[in-house]
């Protein structure tokens, strides 16, 4: 798929919304929404092969976007190093620079190096059930990106709301077993 073919994609689900202008016929989200100004603009292109959609999460060190791998025509998750108050998004809505009012460049680049090291180390845990694979990593726009496989999941809180009751301990342990195994392996590394 070529970037020019993406103009009708819903930034929230990466499915073709056709000529719809209001609500996506697939995920029912607004097609008029935009990412906040400190995030990359929806419709941005990365590394010549990724289309950036909606910002779906943010931590003190990164912003996470839904994306599309244009070479495989599959949804992905794009994690961008963006250390909150220590970073500034430039007017082009791509480039990230350190915020010289809160930090010096050495601290910013050390944080960036730590981000790269941590995410590369986490790639080791792909072999554990429930841990998503890192598909790509690259530097661009003054920052670093990690591309992860996209998996459709369900929040435990959503399951709880549908059930309307607590989980029995044995059922909860079964649901969380793969998480415990991966965290234990991570702690042993």
N, C-alpha and C. Protein backbone atom coordinates (compact mmCIF):
# COMPACT_ATOMS: atom_id res chain seq x y z
N UNK A 1 0.85 -1.17 0.00
CA UNK A 1 0.00 0.00 0.00
C UNK A 1 0.90 1.24 0.00
N UNK A 2 0.50 2.23 -0.71
CA UNK A 2 1.22 3.50 -0.81
C UNK A 2 0.59 4.50 0.16
N UNK A 3 1.38 5.42 0.67
CA UNK A 3 0.89 6.42 1.63
C UNK A 3 -0.29 7.22 1.06
N UNK A 4 -0.30 7.43 -0.24
CA UNK A 4 -1.39 8.19 -0.86
C UNK A 4 -2.72 7.44 -0.79
N UNK A 5 -2.67 6.12 -0.59
CA UNK A 5 -3.88 5.32 -0.49
C UNK A 5 -4.48 5.34 0.92
N UNK A 6 -3.83 6.02 1.84
CA UNK A 6 -4.24 6.02 3.25
C UNK A 6 -5.22 7.12 3.62
N UNK A 7 -5.54 8.00 2.69
CA UNK A 7 -6.34 9.17 3.05
C UNK A 7 -7.73 8.82 3.58
N UNK A 8 -8.25 7.64 3.27
CA UNK A 8 -9.58 7.26 3.75
C UNK A 8 -9.52 6.31 4.95
N UNK A 9 -8.32 6.13 5.53
CA UNK A 9 -8.21 5.24 6.68
C UNK A 9 -8.69 5.94 7.95
N UNK A 10 -9.38 5.20 8.77
CA UNK A 10 -9.76 5.70 10.09
C UNK A 10 -8.52 5.64 10.98
N UNK A 11 -8.13 6.74 11.62
CA UNK A 11 -6.93 6.75 12.46
C UNK A 11 -7.08 5.93 13.74
N UNK A 12 -8.32 5.53 14.07
CA UNK A 12 -8.56 4.76 15.29
C UNK A 12 -8.57 3.25 15.08
N UNK A 13 -8.82 2.79 13.86
CA UNK A 13 -8.85 1.34 13.61
C UNK A 13 -8.06 0.93 12.38
N UNK A 14 -7.61 1.90 11.59
CA UNK A 14 -6.81 1.66 10.38
C UNK A 14 -7.56 0.89 9.30
N UNK A 15 -8.89 0.97 9.34
CA UNK A 15 -9.70 0.36 8.30
C UNK A 15 -10.20 1.46 7.36
N UNK A 16 -10.48 1.09 6.13
CA UNK A 16 -10.94 2.05 5.14
C UNK A 16 -12.34 2.53 5.51
N UNK A 17 -12.46 3.83 5.76
CA UNK A 17 -13.76 4.42 6.12
C UNK A 17 -14.48 4.95 4.89
N UNK A 18 -13.91 4.73 3.71
CA UNK A 18 -14.53 5.20 2.48
C UNK A 18 -14.60 6.71 2.46
N UNK A 19 -15.68 7.24 1.98
CA UNK A 19 -15.85 8.69 1.89
C UNK A 19 -16.55 9.29 3.11
N UNK A 20 -16.73 8.45 4.16
CA UNK A 20 -17.35 8.94 5.39
C UNK A 20 -16.56 10.12 5.94
N UNK A 21 -17.24 11.07 6.53
CA UNK A 21 -16.58 12.24 7.12
C UNK A 21 -16.82 12.35 8.62
N UNK A 22 -17.86 11.72 9.13
CA UNK A 22 -18.22 11.89 10.54
C UNK A 22 -17.74 10.77 11.44
N UNK A 23 -18.37 9.60 11.30
CA UNK A 23 -18.12 8.47 12.18
C UNK A 23 -17.64 7.28 11.35
N UNK A 24 -16.60 6.59 11.86
CA UNK A 24 -16.08 5.41 11.17
C UNK A 24 -17.14 4.31 11.18
N UNK A 25 -17.44 3.71 10.02
CA UNK A 25 -18.44 2.65 9.98
C UNK A 25 -17.98 1.36 10.68
N UNK A 26 -16.68 1.23 10.93
CA UNK A 26 -16.14 0.00 11.54
C UNK A 26 -16.05 0.09 13.07
N UNK A 27 -15.42 1.17 13.58
CA UNK A 27 -15.18 1.25 15.02
C UNK A 27 -16.03 2.32 15.71
N UNK A 28 -16.80 3.07 14.93
CA UNK A 28 -17.72 4.10 15.45
C UNK A 28 -17.01 5.28 16.12
N UNK A 29 -15.73 5.47 15.86
CA UNK A 29 -15.03 6.63 16.42
C UNK A 29 -15.14 7.81 15.46
N UNK A 30 -14.89 8.98 15.99
CA UNK A 30 -14.97 10.19 15.19
C UNK A 30 -13.81 10.26 14.20
N UNK A 31 -14.12 10.53 12.94
CA UNK A 31 -13.09 10.69 11.92
C UNK A 31 -12.51 12.10 11.93
N UNK A 32 -13.09 12.99 12.72
CA UNK A 32 -12.65 14.38 12.77
C UNK A 32 -11.68 14.64 13.92
N UNK A 33 -11.45 13.65 14.78
CA UNK A 33 -10.57 13.87 15.92
C UNK A 33 -9.12 14.01 15.45
N UNK A 34 -8.32 14.68 16.24
CA UNK A 34 -6.90 14.85 15.92
C UNK A 34 -6.08 14.59 17.17
N UNK A 35 -4.83 14.15 16.98
CA UNK A 35 -3.93 13.96 18.10
C UNK A 35 -3.60 15.31 18.73
N UNK A 36 -3.34 15.32 20.04
CA UNK A 36 -2.95 16.57 20.71
C UNK A 36 -1.68 17.16 20.07
N UNK A 37 -1.46 18.46 20.22
CA UNK A 37 -0.33 19.13 19.55
C UNK A 37 1.05 18.59 19.90
N UNK A 38 1.23 18.00 21.09
CA UNK A 38 2.55 17.46 21.44
C UNK A 38 2.79 16.08 20.83
N UNK A 39 1.78 15.54 20.14
CA UNK A 39 1.90 14.23 19.47
C UNK A 39 2.13 14.45 17.98
N UNK A 40 2.60 13.39 17.32
CA UNK A 40 2.68 13.44 15.86
C UNK A 40 1.27 13.59 15.30
N UNK A 41 1.17 14.25 14.18
CA UNK A 41 -0.12 14.42 13.52
C UNK A 41 -0.58 13.09 12.94
N UNK A 42 -1.87 12.82 13.03
CA UNK A 42 -2.43 11.65 12.35
C UNK A 42 -2.16 11.79 10.86
N UNK A 43 -1.79 10.69 10.22
CA UNK A 43 -1.48 10.72 8.80
C UNK A 43 -0.01 10.92 8.51
N UNK A 44 0.80 11.05 9.56
CA UNK A 44 2.24 11.17 9.38
C UNK A 44 2.81 9.86 8.84
N UNK A 45 3.97 9.96 8.24
CA UNK A 45 4.67 8.79 7.70
C UNK A 45 6.00 8.64 8.42
N UNK A 46 6.38 7.41 8.74
CA UNK A 46 7.65 7.14 9.41
C UNK A 46 8.44 6.07 8.66
N UNK A 47 9.74 6.27 8.59
CA UNK A 47 10.67 5.29 8.03
C UNK A 47 10.28 4.82 6.63
N UNK A 48 9.51 5.64 5.94
CA UNK A 48 9.10 5.30 4.59
C UNK A 48 8.12 4.15 4.47
N UNK A 49 7.67 3.60 5.62
CA UNK A 49 6.77 2.45 5.52
C UNK A 49 5.69 2.36 6.60
N UNK A 50 5.65 3.33 7.50
CA UNK A 50 4.62 3.29 8.54
C UNK A 50 3.73 4.52 8.46
N UNK A 51 2.44 4.29 8.58
CA UNK A 51 1.43 5.34 8.59
C UNK A 51 0.98 5.50 10.03
N UNK A 52 0.99 6.72 10.55
CA UNK A 52 0.68 6.99 11.95
C UNK A 52 -0.78 7.38 12.11
N UNK A 53 -1.43 6.72 13.04
CA UNK A 53 -2.83 7.03 13.34
C UNK A 53 -2.97 7.71 14.69
N UNK A 54 -3.98 7.33 15.40
CA UNK A 54 -4.36 7.95 16.67
C UNK A 54 -3.35 7.63 17.77
N UNK A 55 -3.06 8.64 18.61
CA UNK A 55 -2.28 8.41 19.82
C UNK A 55 -3.18 7.66 20.80
N UNK A 56 -2.71 6.49 21.26
CA UNK A 56 -3.56 5.64 22.10
C UNK A 56 -3.05 5.50 23.53
N UNK A 57 -1.87 6.05 23.81
CA UNK A 57 -1.34 5.95 25.16
C UNK A 57 -0.15 6.85 25.34
N UNK A 58 0.14 7.16 26.61
CA UNK A 58 1.25 8.05 26.90
C UNK A 58 1.77 7.74 28.30
N UNK A 59 3.10 7.70 28.41
CA UNK A 59 3.74 7.57 29.71
C UNK A 59 4.68 8.76 29.88
N UNK A 60 5.42 8.78 30.97
CA UNK A 60 6.36 9.88 31.18
C UNK A 60 7.53 9.82 30.21
N UNK A 61 7.70 8.71 29.48
CA UNK A 61 8.83 8.57 28.57
C UNK A 61 8.45 8.34 27.11
N UNK A 62 7.17 8.09 26.84
CA UNK A 62 6.83 7.75 25.45
C UNK A 62 5.38 8.05 25.12
N UNK A 63 5.13 8.08 23.81
CA UNK A 63 3.77 8.19 23.28
C UNK A 63 3.56 6.98 22.38
N UNK A 64 2.40 6.35 22.49
CA UNK A 64 2.08 5.17 21.71
C UNK A 64 0.97 5.50 20.72
N UNK A 65 1.16 5.06 19.47
CA UNK A 65 0.21 5.32 18.39
C UNK A 65 -0.23 4.02 17.75
N UNK A 66 -1.44 4.01 17.25
CA UNK A 66 -1.85 2.95 16.35
C UNK A 66 -1.26 3.30 14.99
N UNK A 67 -0.78 2.31 14.28
CA UNK A 67 -0.19 2.57 12.97
C UNK A 67 -0.50 1.47 11.98
N UNK A 68 -0.01 1.66 10.78
CA UNK A 68 -0.18 0.68 9.72
C UNK A 68 1.16 0.47 9.03
N UNK A 69 1.57 -0.79 8.93
CA UNK A 69 2.76 -1.14 8.16
C UNK A 69 2.32 -1.19 6.70
N UNK A 70 2.78 -0.25 5.91
CA UNK A 70 2.33 -0.14 4.52
C UNK A 70 2.88 -1.26 3.65
N UNK A 71 4.00 -1.88 4.05
CA UNK A 71 4.57 -2.97 3.24
C UNK A 71 3.81 -4.27 3.43
N UNK A 72 3.19 -4.44 4.60
CA UNK A 72 2.45 -5.68 4.89
C UNK A 72 0.95 -5.46 5.01
N UNK A 73 0.53 -4.19 4.95
CA UNK A 73 -0.87 -3.82 5.11
C UNK A 73 -1.45 -4.42 6.40
N UNK A 74 -0.69 -4.24 7.50
CA UNK A 74 -1.18 -4.75 8.78
C UNK A 74 -1.02 -3.69 9.87
N UNK A 75 -1.95 -3.73 10.82
CA UNK A 75 -1.90 -2.79 11.93
C UNK A 75 -0.70 -3.08 12.81
N UNK A 76 -0.11 -2.02 13.36
CA UNK A 76 1.02 -2.12 14.27
C UNK A 76 0.83 -1.10 15.39
N UNK A 77 1.66 -1.21 16.40
CA UNK A 77 1.72 -0.22 17.46
C UNK A 77 3.08 0.47 17.34
N UNK A 78 3.08 1.79 17.36
CA UNK A 78 4.31 2.56 17.24
C UNK A 78 4.55 3.28 18.55
N UNK A 79 5.69 3.02 19.16
CA UNK A 79 6.06 3.65 20.43
C UNK A 79 7.16 4.66 20.13
N UNK A 80 6.93 5.91 20.49
CA UNK A 80 7.86 7.00 20.23
C UNK A 80 8.48 7.48 21.53
N UNK A 81 9.82 7.61 21.56
CA UNK A 81 10.47 8.20 22.72
C UNK A 81 10.09 9.68 22.77
N UNK A 82 9.41 10.05 23.84
CA UNK A 82 9.00 11.44 24.05
C UNK A 82 8.91 11.65 25.56
N UNK A 83 10.02 12.12 26.18
CA UNK A 83 10.06 12.23 27.64
C UNK A 83 9.34 13.44 28.21
N UNK A 84 8.06 13.52 28.00
CA UNK A 84 7.20 14.54 28.60
C UNK A 84 7.76 15.94 28.64
N UNK A 85 7.99 16.43 29.84
CA UNK A 85 8.41 17.82 30.01
C UNK A 85 9.83 18.08 29.50
N UNK A 86 10.60 17.04 29.24
CA UNK A 86 11.97 17.22 28.74
C UNK A 86 12.04 17.24 27.22
N UNK A 87 10.91 17.19 26.56
CA UNK A 87 10.88 17.19 25.09
C UNK A 87 9.93 18.25 24.57
N UNK A 88 10.19 18.67 23.36
CA UNK A 88 9.31 19.62 22.67
C UNK A 88 9.06 19.12 21.25
N UNK A 89 7.79 19.10 20.85
CA UNK A 89 7.44 18.77 19.46
C UNK A 89 7.57 20.06 18.66
N UNK A 90 8.26 19.99 17.56
CA UNK A 90 8.46 21.17 16.72
C UNK A 90 7.19 21.44 15.90
N UNK A 91 7.12 22.58 15.27
CA UNK A 91 5.93 23.02 14.52
C UNK A 91 5.59 22.08 13.37
N UNK A 92 6.58 21.33 12.86
CA UNK A 92 6.31 20.41 11.75
C UNK A 92 5.50 19.18 12.17
N UNK A 93 5.25 19.01 13.48
CA UNK A 93 4.51 17.90 14.10
C UNK A 93 5.22 16.55 13.95
N UNK A 94 6.50 16.57 13.53
CA UNK A 94 7.32 15.37 13.47
C UNK A 94 8.47 15.45 14.47
N UNK A 95 9.31 16.46 14.29
CA UNK A 95 10.59 16.56 14.96
C UNK A 95 10.45 16.76 16.47
N UNK A 96 11.29 16.03 17.22
CA UNK A 96 11.34 16.14 18.67
C UNK A 96 12.71 16.68 19.05
N UNK A 97 12.73 17.65 19.96
CA UNK A 97 13.98 18.21 20.46
C UNK A 97 13.90 18.27 21.98
N UNK A 98 15.06 18.38 22.61
CA UNK A 98 15.04 18.50 24.07
C UNK A 98 14.57 19.90 24.45
N UNK A 99 13.90 19.97 25.59
CA UNK A 99 13.39 21.22 26.12
C UNK A 99 14.49 21.86 26.95
N UNK A 100 15.18 22.85 26.41
CA UNK A 100 16.31 23.46 27.10
C UNK A 100 15.91 24.24 28.35
N UNK A 101 14.62 24.39 28.59
CA UNK A 101 14.16 25.05 29.82
C UNK A 101 14.09 24.06 30.99
N UNK A 102 14.05 22.76 30.70
CA UNK A 102 13.93 21.77 31.77
C UNK A 102 15.11 20.81 31.86
N UNK A 103 15.90 20.70 30.81
CA UNK A 103 16.95 19.69 30.79
C UNK A 103 18.04 20.09 29.80
N UNK A 104 19.27 19.62 30.02
CA UNK A 104 20.30 19.86 29.02
C UNK A 104 20.34 18.69 28.04
N UNK A 105 21.01 18.86 26.94
CA UNK A 105 21.01 17.86 25.88
C UNK A 105 21.60 16.53 26.34
N UNK A 106 22.59 16.55 27.25
CA UNK A 106 23.19 15.30 27.73
C UNK A 106 22.14 14.42 28.42
N UNK A 107 21.30 15.03 29.24
CA UNK A 107 20.26 14.27 29.95
C UNK A 107 19.26 13.70 28.95
N UNK A 108 18.83 14.50 27.99
CA UNK A 108 17.87 14.05 26.98
C UNK A 108 18.42 12.85 26.22
N UNK A 109 19.66 12.94 25.74
CA UNK A 109 20.24 11.85 24.95
C UNK A 109 20.54 10.62 25.80
N UNK A 110 20.80 10.80 27.09
CA UNK A 110 20.97 9.65 27.99
C UNK A 110 19.63 8.96 28.17
N UNK A 111 18.55 9.73 28.36
CA UNK A 111 17.21 9.14 28.46
C UNK A 111 16.85 8.38 27.19
N UNK A 112 17.19 8.96 26.05
CA UNK A 112 16.92 8.31 24.76
C UNK A 112 17.69 7.00 24.65
N UNK A 113 18.95 7.01 25.04
CA UNK A 113 19.77 5.80 25.02
C UNK A 113 19.19 4.72 25.94
N UNK A 114 18.72 5.13 27.12
CA UNK A 114 18.10 4.19 28.05
C UNK A 114 16.83 3.59 27.45
N UNK A 115 16.03 4.41 26.78
CA UNK A 115 14.80 3.94 26.11
C UNK A 115 15.14 2.87 25.08
N UNK A 116 16.15 3.13 24.26
CA UNK A 116 16.57 2.18 23.22
C UNK A 116 17.03 0.87 23.87
N UNK A 117 17.87 0.97 24.89
CA UNK A 117 18.39 -0.23 25.56
C UNK A 117 17.26 -1.04 26.18
N UNK A 118 16.35 -0.37 26.91
CA UNK A 118 15.23 -1.07 27.56
C UNK A 118 14.35 -1.79 26.55
N UNK A 119 14.01 -1.10 25.47
CA UNK A 119 13.09 -1.74 24.51
C UNK A 119 13.78 -2.88 23.77
N UNK A 120 15.05 -2.75 23.50
CA UNK A 120 15.77 -3.87 22.86
C UNK A 120 15.88 -5.06 23.82
N UNK A 121 16.10 -4.78 25.09
CA UNK A 121 16.14 -5.87 26.08
C UNK A 121 14.79 -6.55 26.21
N UNK A 122 13.72 -5.79 26.13
CA UNK A 122 12.38 -6.38 26.23
C UNK A 122 12.05 -7.28 25.05
N UNK A 123 12.71 -7.07 23.92
CA UNK A 123 12.47 -7.91 22.75
C UNK A 123 12.77 -9.38 23.05
N UNK A 124 13.67 -9.62 24.00
CA UNK A 124 14.01 -10.98 24.41
C UNK A 124 12.80 -11.74 24.92
N UNK A 125 11.85 -11.06 25.53
CA UNK A 125 10.71 -11.71 26.17
C UNK A 125 9.59 -12.08 25.21
N UNK A 126 9.83 -11.89 23.94
CA UNK A 126 8.83 -12.22 22.92
C UNK A 126 8.43 -13.69 22.99
N UNK A 127 9.34 -14.52 23.41
CA UNK A 127 9.06 -15.97 23.43
C UNK A 127 8.02 -16.37 24.47
N UNK A 128 7.69 -15.44 25.37
CA UNK A 128 6.70 -15.75 26.39
C UNK A 128 5.30 -15.43 25.90
N UNK A 129 4.38 -16.31 26.23
CA UNK A 129 2.98 -16.13 25.84
C UNK A 129 2.47 -14.79 26.38
N UNK A 130 1.81 -14.03 25.53
CA UNK A 130 1.22 -12.77 25.95
C UNK A 130 2.13 -11.57 25.82
N UNK A 131 3.37 -11.77 25.38
CA UNK A 131 4.30 -10.64 25.19
C UNK A 131 4.38 -10.36 23.70
N UNK A 132 4.09 -9.14 23.29
CA UNK A 132 4.07 -8.81 21.87
C UNK A 132 5.49 -8.70 21.32
N UNK A 133 5.61 -8.95 20.03
CA UNK A 133 6.91 -8.92 19.35
C UNK A 133 7.27 -7.50 18.93
N UNK A 134 8.56 -7.17 19.04
CA UNK A 134 9.05 -5.93 18.47
C UNK A 134 9.42 -6.23 17.03
N UNK A 135 8.82 -5.49 16.10
CA UNK A 135 9.00 -5.74 14.67
C UNK A 135 10.08 -4.89 14.04
N UNK A 136 10.32 -3.71 14.60
CA UNK A 136 11.26 -2.78 13.98
C UNK A 136 11.67 -1.75 15.02
N UNK A 137 12.86 -1.21 14.85
CA UNK A 137 13.28 -0.06 15.66
C UNK A 137 14.18 0.82 14.81
N UNK A 138 14.01 2.12 14.96
CA UNK A 138 14.77 3.07 14.15
C UNK A 138 14.74 4.44 14.81
N UNK A 139 15.68 5.27 14.41
CA UNK A 139 15.74 6.66 14.84
C UNK A 139 15.33 7.55 13.67
N UNK A 140 14.55 8.55 13.98
CA UNK A 140 14.09 9.50 12.96
C UNK A 140 13.53 10.71 13.70
N UNK A 141 13.53 11.86 13.08
CA UNK A 141 12.90 13.07 13.64
C UNK A 141 13.48 13.49 14.98
N UNK A 142 14.73 13.15 15.25
CA UNK A 142 15.36 13.53 16.51
C UNK A 142 15.00 12.63 17.68
N UNK A 143 14.32 11.53 17.41
CA UNK A 143 13.90 10.63 18.49
C UNK A 143 14.00 9.17 18.03
N UNK A 144 13.52 8.25 18.84
CA UNK A 144 13.58 6.81 18.53
C UNK A 144 12.17 6.24 18.49
N UNK A 145 12.01 5.22 17.67
CA UNK A 145 10.72 4.56 17.52
C UNK A 145 10.89 3.06 17.66
N UNK A 146 9.87 2.41 18.22
CA UNK A 146 9.77 0.96 18.28
C UNK A 146 8.43 0.60 17.67
N UNK A 147 8.46 -0.38 16.78
CA UNK A 147 7.23 -0.85 16.15
C UNK A 147 6.95 -2.23 16.71
N UNK A 148 5.76 -2.40 17.26
CA UNK A 148 5.37 -3.64 17.91
C UNK A 148 4.19 -4.26 17.18
N UNK A 149 4.07 -5.57 17.32
CA UNK A 149 2.90 -6.22 16.73
C UNK A 149 1.64 -5.71 17.41
N UNK A 150 0.58 -5.64 16.67
CA UNK A 150 -0.71 -5.19 17.19
C UNK A 150 -1.51 -6.42 17.57
N UNK A 151 -2.03 -6.42 18.78
CA UNK A 151 -2.92 -7.50 19.18
C UNK A 151 -4.18 -6.88 19.77
N UNK A 152 -5.30 -7.39 19.38
CA UNK A 152 -6.58 -6.93 19.90
C UNK A 152 -6.81 -7.62 21.23
N UNK A 153 -6.94 -6.87 22.28
CA UNK A 153 -7.13 -7.45 23.60
C UNK A 153 -8.39 -6.95 24.25
N UNK A 154 -8.64 -7.51 25.43
CA UNK A 154 -9.78 -7.10 26.23
C UNK A 154 -9.25 -6.77 27.62
N UNK A 155 -9.68 -5.65 28.16
CA UNK A 155 -9.27 -5.27 29.51
C UNK A 155 -9.95 -6.14 30.54
N UNK A 156 -9.22 -6.47 31.58
CA UNK A 156 -9.78 -7.25 32.68
C UNK A 156 -10.99 -6.54 33.27
N UNK A 157 -10.94 -5.23 33.34
CA UNK A 157 -12.06 -4.46 33.89
C UNK A 157 -13.32 -4.60 33.01
N UNK A 158 -13.13 -4.73 31.69
CA UNK A 158 -14.29 -4.93 30.80
C UNK A 158 -14.92 -6.30 31.03
N UNK A 159 -14.08 -7.31 31.24
CA UNK A 159 -14.60 -8.65 31.51
C UNK A 159 -15.37 -8.62 32.83
N UNK A 160 -14.80 -7.95 33.83
CA UNK A 160 -15.44 -7.85 35.13
C UNK A 160 -16.80 -7.17 35.02
N UNK A 161 -16.87 -6.06 34.25
CA UNK A 161 -18.14 -5.34 34.10
C UNK A 161 -19.21 -6.23 33.45
N UNK A 162 -18.81 -7.00 32.45
CA UNK A 162 -19.78 -7.89 31.78
C UNK A 162 -20.25 -9.00 32.72
N UNK A 163 -19.33 -9.51 33.52
CA UNK A 163 -19.68 -10.58 34.45
C UNK A 163 -20.51 -10.08 35.61
N UNK A 164 -20.18 -8.87 36.08
CA UNK A 164 -20.90 -8.30 37.21
C UNK A 164 -20.53 -8.91 38.54
N UNK A 165 -19.46 -9.68 38.57
CA UNK A 165 -19.03 -10.32 39.81
C UNK A 165 -17.52 -10.51 39.79
N UNK A 166 -16.96 -10.77 40.95
CA UNK A 166 -15.52 -10.99 41.04
C UNK A 166 -15.13 -12.32 40.41
N UNK A 167 -13.87 -12.43 40.03
CA UNK A 167 -13.34 -13.69 39.52
C UNK A 167 -13.00 -14.60 40.70
N UNK A 168 -13.31 -15.89 40.59
CA UNK A 168 -12.80 -16.83 41.60
C UNK A 168 -11.27 -16.83 41.52
N UNK A 169 -10.58 -16.98 42.65
CA UNK A 169 -9.12 -16.92 42.66
C UNK A 169 -8.44 -17.85 41.65
N UNK A 170 -8.92 -19.07 41.50
CA UNK A 170 -8.27 -20.00 40.56
C UNK A 170 -8.42 -19.54 39.11
N UNK A 171 -9.55 -18.95 38.76
CA UNK A 171 -9.76 -18.43 37.41
C UNK A 171 -8.89 -17.20 37.15
N UNK A 172 -8.77 -16.33 38.15
CA UNK A 172 -7.93 -15.14 38.02
C UNK A 172 -6.46 -15.54 37.86
N UNK A 173 -6.01 -16.52 38.63
CA UNK A 173 -4.62 -16.99 38.49
C UNK A 173 -4.37 -17.56 37.11
N UNK A 174 -5.34 -18.28 36.57
CA UNK A 174 -5.19 -18.84 35.23
C UNK A 174 -5.07 -17.72 34.18
N UNK A 175 -5.87 -16.67 34.33
CA UNK A 175 -5.81 -15.54 33.39
C UNK A 175 -4.47 -14.81 33.46
N UNK A 176 -3.89 -14.74 34.64
CA UNK A 176 -2.69 -13.95 34.85
C UNK A 176 -1.39 -14.78 34.80
N UNK A 177 -1.50 -16.07 34.62
CA UNK A 177 -0.32 -16.94 34.66
C UNK A 177 0.78 -16.51 33.69
N UNK A 178 0.42 -16.22 32.44
CA UNK A 178 1.45 -15.83 31.47
C UNK A 178 2.11 -14.51 31.84
N UNK A 179 1.37 -13.61 32.47
CA UNK A 179 1.95 -12.34 32.93
C UNK A 179 2.97 -12.62 34.03
N UNK A 180 2.62 -13.48 34.98
CA UNK A 180 3.54 -13.80 36.07
C UNK A 180 4.82 -14.44 35.54
N UNK A 181 4.69 -15.34 34.58
CA UNK A 181 5.86 -16.02 34.01
C UNK A 181 6.79 -15.01 33.32
N UNK A 182 6.23 -14.11 32.52
CA UNK A 182 7.04 -13.12 31.82
C UNK A 182 7.71 -12.15 32.79
N UNK A 183 6.98 -11.70 33.82
CA UNK A 183 7.56 -10.77 34.80
C UNK A 183 8.67 -11.47 35.59
N UNK A 184 8.47 -12.72 35.94
CA UNK A 184 9.49 -13.46 36.66
C UNK A 184 10.76 -13.59 35.81
N UNK A 185 10.60 -13.91 34.53
CA UNK A 185 11.76 -14.03 33.65
C UNK A 185 12.47 -12.69 33.50
N UNK A 186 11.70 -11.62 33.41
CA UNK A 186 12.28 -10.28 33.30
C UNK A 186 13.11 -9.96 34.54
N UNK A 187 12.60 -10.30 35.71
CA UNK A 187 13.31 -10.02 36.97
C UNK A 187 14.57 -10.86 37.12
N UNK A 188 14.61 -12.02 36.48
CA UNK A 188 15.79 -12.88 36.56
C UNK A 188 16.90 -12.45 35.61
N UNK A 189 16.57 -11.64 34.62
CA UNK A 189 17.57 -11.20 33.63
C UNK A 189 18.55 -10.23 34.21
